[in-house]
Amino acid sequence: MMDLAVFERLRSPAGQAALQAAGELAPSEASFLACLTRLRKHMDAPLAKAALETVILRGRARGKFARAEHMYFTREALEQSSGEAIAVHRAGRYQSYARVADLGCGLGGDALGLSGVSAVTLVDRDPLRLALAEANLAVYERTAAAVCADLTAGPPPAAEALWFDPARRSAGRRQFSVRAYEPPLAIIQNWLAATPALGVKLSPGVDLAELGRRPGQTAAFDLDPASFELEFISVHGDLKEAVLWFGPLRTTAPARATLLPGPHTLVAEPAAVSGLSAPRAWLYEPDPALLRAGLVTTLAARLEAQQLDPDIAYLTADTLTPTPFARAFALEAAFPFQLKRLRDYLRARGVGQVTVKKRGSPLEPEQLIRQLRPAGPESRIVFLTHVAGQPYALIGQPAGGAYAD
């Protein structure tokens, strides 16, 4: 693992030469040892390892950062970092604040967004991560004050607003409870009185019971669930994170789903009600951010659609209403699930390429495809789900008719 001394060497002229040499080898996880052996003929092992690791991580980070090829990472910091698009989106709420403290700044992904709208103070207890954040901001021609501090030992530095990104990994293991974050989420109770403008990044799979959003279950902090907005954010259909917004940063919506790029955002509509229906001409698969935000019925009302089952998030309608909040599929058949019937249906239509999607079904898609033994030039998507509590198979294609995964 790279330490601060090696990182400082990596940024020196000798380190830059090492990075260039490592890049010319096009290293991968599989070829790491072979590449290391070659580099060690020209430099010491710590510098060679850091250069190879940085080149590999830069490749992984291209989907998150536009200037990834010049940035610096550690594996754990990159895994937990926000992508540039998310950071810029979130920073929009901080535009009216002169200074924001980025608490638990990691490699500086969040600060890239915040520094575009405000002065930023980077705070982290790890000197290496502070150095990474400063270096990565410099790649974007930006600067920030840096404070090395343990947030559990005292209040955060003075700022008009706070952004808090607690560590969600400990000893290399992912932590699923907000009580196990470092620092634990409950620490925000000590900050809100002095600085009510607070945003907090959480895992997208956060247990809503720990946030007090499920009656009768104990929350992880002593805060009114109505005192914050909960936003779920997805990027290109992948659920990426959850955010708590407090004080003047929150809106009146208790929950929000945001889809990037866009942004497209949806909040709950109190009057939204979704009834149940048998499968009709069109099937909608809501974005996962909507599912986590509990906005399926809100979307259904907008689309004049209904759910197939009260516990399943598929929606169906007679007509197609284009929406960024769901993928739409034209249904050509729907019937109670039976393997032979499904196999016969697909074979009769020459379907050789099958994609299986499931919600509420115990069947494994790969195993089902083997059992179907598809053959032919046609493509279909098979949805395994429930309709009014009964196992069903729905067959269709994406809106437009062409197969798309």
Protein backbone atom coordinates (compact mmCIF):
# COMPACT_ATOMS: atom_id res chain seq x y z
CA MET A 1 0.00 0.00 0.00
CA MET A 2 1.29 3.46 -0.90
CA ASP A 3 2.19 5.73 2.02
CA LEU A 4 2.69 9.49 2.12
CA ALA A 5 6.46 9.31 1.58
CA VAL A 6 6.09 7.16 -1.53
CA PHE A 7 3.32 9.43 -2.83
CA GLU A 8 5.57 12.46 -2.49
CA ARG A 9 8.26 10.59 -4.44
CA LEU A 10 5.67 9.69 -7.07
CA ARG A 11 5.02 13.38 -7.69
CA SER A 12 8.71 14.15 -8.09
CA PRO A 13 10.45 14.14 -11.52
CA ALA A 14 11.71 10.62 -10.81
CA GLY A 15 8.19 9.54 -9.90
CA GLN A 16 6.75 11.05 -13.07
CA ALA A 17 9.32 9.13 -15.07
CA ALA A 18 8.28 5.97 -13.21
CA LEU A 19 4.64 6.63 -14.11
CA GLN A 20 5.53 7.06 -17.76
CA ALA A 21 7.50 3.82 -17.75
CA ALA A 22 4.65 2.01 -15.99
CA GLY A 23 2.12 3.34 -18.48
CA GLU A 24 4.17 2.07 -21.42
CA LEU A 25 3.82 -1.46 -19.99
CA ALA A 26 -0.02 -1.20 -20.04
CA PRO A 27 -0.26 -3.08 -16.71
CA SER A 28 -3.26 -5.06 -15.55
CA GLU A 29 -4.05 -7.06 -12.45
CA ALA A 30 -2.95 -10.22 -14.26
CA SER A 31 0.35 -8.76 -15.48
CA PHE A 32 1.20 -6.76 -12.34
CA LEU A 33 4.01 -9.03 -11.10
CA ALA A 34 5.61 -9.32 -14.53
CA CYS A 35 5.50 -5.54 -14.95
CA LEU A 36 6.89 -5.04 -11.47
CA THR A 37 9.85 -7.29 -12.28
CA ARG A 38 10.63 -5.19 -15.35
CA LEU A 39 10.33 -1.86 -13.53
CA ARG A 40 12.52 -2.99 -10.63
CA LYS A 41 15.46 -3.15 -13.00
CA HIS A 42 15.31 0.66 -13.09
CA MET A 43 13.87 1.69 -9.69
CA ASP A 44 13.16 0.46 -6.17
CA ALA A 45 10.15 -1.72 -5.40
CA PRO A 46 8.01 0.84 -3.47
CA LEU A 47 8.17 3.38 -6.29
CA ALA A 48 7.60 0.73 -8.96
CA LYS A 49 4.56 -0.66 -7.12
CA ALA A 50 3.08 2.80 -6.61
CA ALA A 51 3.55 3.71 -10.28
CA LEU A 52 1.96 0.49 -11.55
CA GLU A 53 -0.93 0.76 -9.08
CA THR A 54 -1.56 4.36 -10.08
CA VAL A 55 -1.66 3.52 -13.79
CA ILE A 56 -4.13 0.67 -13.18
CA LEU A 57 -6.36 2.81 -10.96
CA ARG A 58 -6.32 5.68 -13.45
CA GLY A 59 -7.78 3.29 -15.98
CA ARG A 60 -10.53 2.28 -13.57
CA ALA A 61 -11.30 5.89 -12.72
CA ARG A 62 -11.96 7.06 -16.29
CA GLY A 63 -15.67 6.43 -15.85
CA LYS A 64 -15.71 8.72 -12.80
CA PHE A 65 -13.33 11.55 -13.62
CA ALA A 66 -12.70 13.42 -16.87
CA ARG A 67 -9.03 13.96 -16.00
CA ALA A 68 -8.40 10.57 -14.40
CA GLU A 69 -5.21 10.01 -16.42
CA HIS A 70 -3.49 12.75 -14.37
CA MET A 71 -5.01 11.99 -10.94
CA TYR A 72 -3.82 9.92 -7.98
CA PHE A 73 -5.68 7.17 -6.16
CA THR A 74 -5.60 4.38 -3.64
CA ARG A 75 -7.90 1.44 -4.21
CA GLU A 76 -10.12 1.98 -1.18
CA ALA A 77 -10.37 5.73 -1.71
CA LEU A 78 -11.33 5.26 -5.37
CA GLU A 79 -14.00 2.68 -4.51
CA GLN A 80 -15.65 5.09 -2.05
CA SER A 81 -15.22 8.25 -4.11
CA SER A 82 -18.05 10.11 -5.79
CA GLY A 83 -17.84 10.48 -9.53
CA GLU A 84 -17.37 13.92 -11.00
CA ALA A 85 -20.95 14.12 -12.34
CA ILE A 86 -22.44 13.37 -8.91
CA ALA A 87 -20.11 15.80 -7.15
CA VAL A 88 -21.04 18.62 -9.52
CA HIS A 89 -24.75 17.85 -9.12
CA ARG A 90 -24.58 17.91 -5.33
CA ALA A 91 -22.46 21.04 -5.24
CA GLY A 92 -25.36 22.97 -6.72
CA ARG A 93 -26.96 23.12 -3.28
CA TYR A 94 -23.89 24.91 -1.85
CA GLN A 95 -23.76 27.83 -4.29
CA SER A 96 -24.79 30.43 -1.71
CA TYR A 97 -22.10 29.51 0.84
CA ALA A 98 -18.72 31.23 0.96
CA ARG A 99 -16.90 28.26 2.51
CA VAL A 100 -17.73 24.58 2.78
CA ALA A 101 -15.85 22.06 4.91
CA ASP A 102 -15.42 18.71 3.16
CA LEU A 103 -15.33 16.32 6.12
CA GLY A 104 -13.67 13.01 5.27
CA CYS A 105 -12.48 14.38 1.95
CA GLY A 106 -10.83 11.15 0.75
CA LEU A 107 -9.14 11.64 -2.62
CA GLY A 108 -11.04 14.87 -3.30
CA GLY A 109 -13.86 13.69 -5.54
CA ASP A 110 -16.49 15.69 -3.67
CA ALA A 111 -14.19 18.71 -3.42
CA LEU A 112 -13.99 18.84 -7.22
CA GLY A 113 -17.65 19.76 -7.27
CA LEU A 114 -17.66 21.95 -4.19
CA SER A 115 -14.63 23.98 -5.28
CA GLY A 116 -16.54 25.02 -8.38
CA VAL A 117 -19.06 26.96 -6.29
CA SER A 118 -17.33 27.78 -2.99
CA ALA A 119 -14.07 27.96 -1.09
CA VAL A 120 -13.34 24.55 0.41
CA THR A 121 -11.60 23.26 3.50
CA LEU A 122 -10.45 19.67 3.16
CA VAL A 123 -10.60 17.64 6.36
CA ASP A 124 -9.30 14.10 6.84
CA ARG A 125 -7.45 12.23 9.55
CA ASP A 126 -5.26 10.48 6.94
CA PRO A 127 -2.39 12.69 5.72
CA LEU A 128 -2.09 10.62 2.53
CA ARG A 129 -5.72 11.22 1.58
CA LEU A 130 -5.33 14.93 2.22
CA ALA A 131 -2.31 14.96 -0.08
CA LEU A 132 -4.25 13.00 -2.72
CA ALA A 133 -7.12 15.48 -2.54
CA GLU A 134 -4.83 18.49 -2.90
CA ALA A 135 -3.02 16.90 -5.85
CA ASN A 136 -6.27 15.98 -7.58
CA LEU A 137 -7.71 19.45 -7.14
CA ALA A 138 -4.53 20.83 -8.71
CA VAL A 139 -5.22 18.67 -11.78
CA TYR A 140 -8.39 20.78 -12.19
CA GLU A 141 -6.49 24.03 -11.48
CA ARG A 142 -8.15 24.40 -8.08
CA THR A 143 -6.91 24.79 -4.52
CA ALA A 144 -8.30 24.28 -1.02
CA ALA A 145 -7.24 24.69 2.58
CA ALA A 146 -6.30 21.38 4.21
CA VAL A 147 -6.72 20.31 7.83
CA CYS A 148 -5.52 16.97 9.19
CA ALA A 149 -7.93 16.19 12.01
CA ASP A 150 -9.87 13.39 13.68
CA LEU A 151 -13.53 14.41 13.59
CA THR A 152 -14.26 12.39 16.73
CA ALA A 153 -11.78 14.48 18.74
CA GLY A 154 -13.39 17.86 18.28
CA PRO A 155 -15.70 20.01 16.16
CA PRO A 156 -15.07 20.48 12.45
CA PRO A 157 -13.29 23.64 11.30
CA ALA A 158 -15.38 26.76 10.92
CA ALA A 159 -17.42 26.90 7.72
CA GLU A 160 -20.83 28.14 6.62
CA ALA A 161 -21.83 24.66 5.43
CA LEU A 162 -20.61 21.10 5.83
CA TRP A 163 -20.29 18.09 3.56
CA PHE A 164 -19.67 14.80 5.39
CA ASP A 165 -18.48 11.60 3.72
CA PRO A 166 -17.86 9.01 6.46
CA ALA A 167 -15.71 5.98 5.66
CA ARG A 168 -17.86 3.00 4.78
CA ARG A 169 -15.02 0.50 4.87
CA SER A 170 -13.03 -0.74 7.85
CA ALA A 171 -9.99 -3.02 7.54
CA GLY A 172 -10.90 -3.50 3.90
CA ARG A 173 -14.44 -4.64 4.65
CA ARG A 174 -17.57 -2.84 3.58
CA GLN A 175 -19.68 -1.58 6.48
CA PHE A 176 -23.43 -1.77 5.92
CA SER A 177 -24.65 -0.17 9.16
CA VAL A 178 -24.38 3.59 9.62
CA ARG A 179 -23.39 2.80 13.20
CA ALA A 180 -20.20 1.20 11.86
CA TYR A 181 -19.22 4.13 9.63
CA GLU A 182 -16.04 5.95 10.61
CA PRO A 183 -17.03 8.23 12.26
CA PRO A 184 -20.50 6.77 13.05
CA LEU A 185 -23.38 8.70 11.54
CA ALA A 186 -24.63 9.79 14.96
CA ILE A 187 -21.74 12.27 15.18
CA ILE A 188 -23.72 14.72 13.04
CA GLN A 189 -25.94 15.44 16.06
CA ASN A 190 -22.97 17.34 17.53
CA TRP A 191 -22.60 19.56 14.46
CA LEU A 192 -26.10 20.55 13.43
CA ALA A 193 -26.73 23.15 16.13
CA ALA A 194 -23.69 25.18 15.08
CA THR A 195 -23.87 24.46 11.34
CA PRO A 196 -27.35 23.40 10.20
CA ALA A 197 -26.42 23.40 6.50
CA LEU A 198 -25.20 19.82 6.27
CA GLY A 199 -25.11 17.16 3.56
CA VAL A 200 -24.16 13.55 4.32
CA LYS A 201 -23.18 10.83 1.87
CA LEU A 202 -24.45 7.32 2.62
CA SER A 203 -24.35 3.94 0.96
CA PRO A 204 -27.26 3.57 -1.51
CA GLY A 205 -28.24 0.39 0.31
CA VAL A 206 -28.63 2.17 3.65
CA ASP A 207 -31.18 0.56 5.96
CA LEU A 208 -34.05 3.03 6.17
CA ALA A 209 -34.83 1.77 9.66
CA GLU A 210 -31.52 3.20 10.84
CA LEU A 211 -32.65 6.60 9.58
CA GLY A 212 -35.92 6.42 11.48
CA ARG A 213 -37.93 6.06 8.26
CA ARG A 214 -39.59 2.79 9.37
CA PRO A 215 -42.03 3.02 12.30
CA GLY A 216 -41.32 0.91 15.35
CA GLN A 217 -37.60 0.43 14.65
CA THR A 218 -34.70 2.12 16.42
CA ALA A 219 -32.83 4.77 14.46
CA ALA A 220 -29.08 5.24 14.60
CA PHE A 221 -29.40 8.85 15.74
CA ASP A 222 -31.76 10.96 17.79
CA LEU A 223 -33.10 13.13 14.98
CA ASP A 224 -36.60 13.63 13.68
CA PRO A 225 -36.94 11.73 10.36
CA ALA A 226 -38.91 14.72 9.10
CA SER A 227 -35.88 16.98 9.65
CA PHE A 228 -33.98 15.81 6.58
CA GLU A 229 -34.42 15.09 2.91
CA LEU A 230 -33.22 11.72 1.60
CA GLU A 231 -31.97 11.74 -1.99
CA PHE A 232 -31.02 8.65 -4.00
CA ILE A 233 -28.81 9.21 -7.04
CA SER A 234 -28.26 6.94 -10.02
CA VAL A 235 -25.92 7.39 -12.99
CA HIS A 236 -26.86 5.79 -16.32
CA GLY A 237 -29.28 3.53 -14.45
CA ASP A 238 -26.80 2.39 -11.76
CA LEU A 239 -27.70 3.35 -8.20
CA LYS A 240 -24.64 5.11 -6.77
CA GLU A 241 -25.39 6.78 -3.47
CA ALA A 242 -27.81 8.21 -0.96
CA VAL A 243 -27.58 11.70 0.53
CA LEU A 244 -29.08 13.24 3.66
CA TRP A 245 -29.77 16.97 3.38
CA PHE A 246 -30.31 19.06 6.52
CA GLY A 247 -31.23 22.62 7.35
CA PRO A 248 -31.30 25.14 4.49
CA LEU A 249 -29.82 22.54 2.11
CA ARG A 250 -32.95 20.41 2.25
CA THR A 251 -36.17 20.95 0.32
CA THR A 252 -39.70 20.23 1.49
CA ALA A 253 -39.61 16.79 -0.15
CA PRO A 254 -38.95 13.95 2.31
CA ALA A 255 -37.51 11.77 -0.46
CA ARG A 256 -36.10 12.41 -3.92
CA ALA A 257 -34.76 10.33 -6.80
CA THR A 258 -32.20 11.97 -9.08
CA LEU A 259 -31.01 10.48 -12.36
CA LEU A 260 -27.78 11.56 -14.00
CA PRO A 261 -26.96 12.71 -16.56
CA GLY A 262 -29.73 15.22 -16.74
CA PRO A 263 -30.40 15.81 -14.01
CA HIS A 264 -33.88 14.35 -13.85
CA THR A 265 -35.49 14.44 -10.45
CA LEU A 266 -38.71 13.10 -8.97
CA VAL A 267 -40.26 13.67 -5.55
CA ALA A 268 -43.24 12.14 -3.86
CA GLU A 269 -46.72 13.34 -4.75
CA PRO A 270 -49.04 12.70 -1.80
CA ALA A 271 -52.09 12.02 -3.96
CA ALA A 272 -50.30 9.43 -6.11
CA VAL A 273 -52.00 6.04 -5.97
CA SER A 274 -51.23 2.99 -8.08
CA GLY A 275 -53.79 0.23 -8.49
CA LEU A 276 -53.10 -3.27 -9.77
CA SER A 277 -53.50 -4.57 -13.29
CA ALA A 278 -52.86 -7.61 -15.39
CA PRO A 279 -50.05 -7.14 -17.94
CA ARG A 280 -51.01 -4.75 -20.72
CA ALA A 281 -49.24 -3.55 -23.86
CA TRP A 282 -46.30 -1.87 -22.14
CA LEU A 283 -44.05 -2.71 -19.19
CA TYR A 284 -42.02 -0.13 -17.28
CA GLU A 285 -38.93 -0.95 -15.23
CA PRO A 286 -38.36 2.03 -12.88
CA ASP A 287 -34.85 3.32 -12.26
CA PRO A 288 -33.42 1.89 -9.00
CA ALA A 289 -33.19 5.38 -7.48
CA LEU A 290 -37.00 5.56 -7.61
CA LEU A 291 -37.33 2.19 -5.94
CA ARG A 292 -35.09 3.20 -3.02
CA ALA A 293 -36.86 6.55 -2.68
CA GLY A 294 -40.26 4.85 -2.57
CA LEU A 295 -41.55 6.68 -5.63
CA VAL A 296 -43.01 3.84 -7.69
CA THR A 297 -46.61 4.98 -7.16
CA THR A 298 -45.64 8.57 -7.99
CA LEU A 299 -44.19 7.42 -11.30
CA ALA A 300 -47.21 5.19 -11.96
CA ALA A 301 -49.53 8.17 -11.57
CA ARG A 302 -47.47 10.18 -14.03
CA LEU A 303 -47.49 7.38 -16.59
CA GLU A 304 -51.14 6.43 -16.03
CA ALA A 305 -49.78 2.97 -15.26
CA GLN A 306 -50.46 0.35 -12.61
CA GLN A 307 -48.43 -2.23 -10.74
CA LEU A 308 -48.56 -5.90 -11.63
CA ASP A 309 -48.26 -6.86 -7.99
CA PRO A 310 -48.34 -4.81 -4.77
CA ASP A 311 -44.83 -6.02 -3.84
CA ILE A 312 -43.22 -5.76 -7.27
CA ALA A 313 -42.00 -2.53 -8.90
CA TYR A 314 -42.92 -3.36 -12.50
CA LEU A 315 -45.57 -1.07 -13.99
CA THR A 316 -47.86 -1.70 -16.94
CA ALA A 317 -49.96 0.52 -19.20
CA ASP A 318 -51.93 0.49 -22.45
CA THR A 319 -49.91 3.28 -24.08
CA LEU A 320 -46.27 4.30 -24.08
CA THR A 321 -45.32 7.50 -22.26
CA PRO A 322 -41.62 8.29 -22.74
CA THR A 323 -39.90 8.98 -19.41
CA PRO A 324 -36.33 9.19 -18.16
CA PHE A 325 -37.39 7.48 -14.93
CA ALA A 326 -38.00 4.00 -16.34
CA ARG A 327 -37.07 1.70 -19.18
CA ALA A 328 -40.04 0.75 -21.33
CA PHE A 329 -40.69 -2.58 -23.02
CA ALA A 330 -43.34 -3.66 -25.51
CA LEU A 331 -45.01 -6.82 -24.24
CA GLU A 332 -46.11 -9.47 -26.70
CA ALA A 333 -47.11 -12.21 -24.25
CA ALA A 334 -47.71 -12.88 -20.58
CA PHE A 335 -48.77 -16.13 -18.90
CA PRO A 336 -48.36 -18.04 -15.63
CA PHE A 337 -44.83 -19.39 -15.50
CA GLN A 338 -44.34 -22.93 -16.74
CA LEU A 339 -40.99 -23.99 -18.19
CA LYS A 340 -42.41 -26.07 -21.04
CA ARG A 341 -44.87 -23.38 -22.09
CA LEU A 342 -42.17 -20.74 -22.11
CA ARG A 343 -39.78 -22.97 -24.05
CA ASP A 344 -42.43 -23.81 -26.64
CA TYR A 345 -43.38 -20.15 -27.03
CA LEU A 346 -39.80 -19.05 -27.70
CA ARG A 347 -39.00 -21.95 -30.03
CA ALA A 348 -42.12 -21.31 -32.11
CA ARG A 349 -40.81 -17.81 -32.79
CA GLY A 350 -37.18 -18.75 -33.44
CA VAL A 351 -35.83 -16.99 -30.39
CA GLY A 352 -32.17 -17.83 -29.87
CA GLN A 353 -31.04 -14.85 -27.80
CA VAL A 354 -32.77 -14.56 -24.44
CA THR A 355 -32.18 -12.02 -21.71
CA VAL A 356 -33.83 -12.85 -18.39
CA LYS A 357 -34.81 -10.15 -15.92
CA LYS A 358 -36.42 -10.99 -12.62
CA ARG A 359 -38.15 -9.38 -9.68
CA GLY A 360 -39.69 -11.57 -7.03
CA SER A 361 -38.66 -14.83 -8.70
CA PRO A 362 -36.32 -17.38 -7.06
CA LEU A 363 -35.15 -18.71 -10.44
CA GLU A 364 -31.59 -18.06 -11.58
CA PRO A 365 -31.47 -16.46 -15.06
CA GLU A 366 -28.43 -18.41 -16.28
CA GLN A 367 -29.92 -21.73 -15.24
CA LEU A 368 -33.27 -20.91 -16.85
CA ILE A 369 -31.60 -19.98 -20.14
CA ARG A 370 -29.81 -23.33 -20.18
CA GLN A 371 -33.12 -25.10 -19.57
CA LEU A 372 -34.83 -23.15 -22.35
CA ARG A 373 -32.15 -24.20 -24.87
CA PRO A 374 -32.97 -21.25 -27.18
CA ALA A 375 -32.22 -21.49 -30.87
CA GLY A 376 -32.92 -19.14 -33.76
CA PRO A 377 -32.21 -15.62 -35.03
CA GLU A 378 -34.72 -13.70 -32.90
CA SER A 379 -34.17 -11.90 -29.57
CA ARG A 380 -36.52 -11.46 -26.63
CA ILE A 381 -36.46 -10.38 -23.01
CA VAL A 382 -38.18 -12.67 -20.51
CA PHE A 383 -39.37 -11.08 -17.28
CA LEU A 384 -39.83 -13.43 -14.35
CA THR A 385 -42.09 -11.79 -11.81
CA HIS A 386 -45.38 -12.00 -9.93
CA VAL A 387 -48.78 -10.88 -11.13
CA ALA A 388 -51.27 -10.60 -8.27
CA GLY A 389 -49.12 -12.96 -6.24
CA GLN A 390 -48.70 -15.63 -8.93
CA PRO A 391 -45.42 -16.47 -10.75
CA TYR A 392 -45.56 -15.13 -14.30
CA ALA A 393 -43.44 -14.96 -17.42
CA LEU A 394 -43.67 -11.82 -19.55
CA ILE A 395 -42.05 -11.67 -22.98
CA GLY A 396 -41.18 -8.50 -24.83
CA GLN A 397 -38.63 -6.16 -26.35
CA PRO A 398 -37.35 -2.67 -25.47
CA ALA A 399 -39.36 0.26 -26.74
CA GLY A 400 -38.47 0.66 -30.39
CA GLY A 401 -38.30 -3.07 -31.04
CA ALA A 402 -34.53 -3.55 -31.19
CA TYR A 403 -32.82 -5.71 -28.59
CA ALA A 404 -30.83 -3.77 -26.03
CA ASP A 405 -29.32 -5.02 -22.80
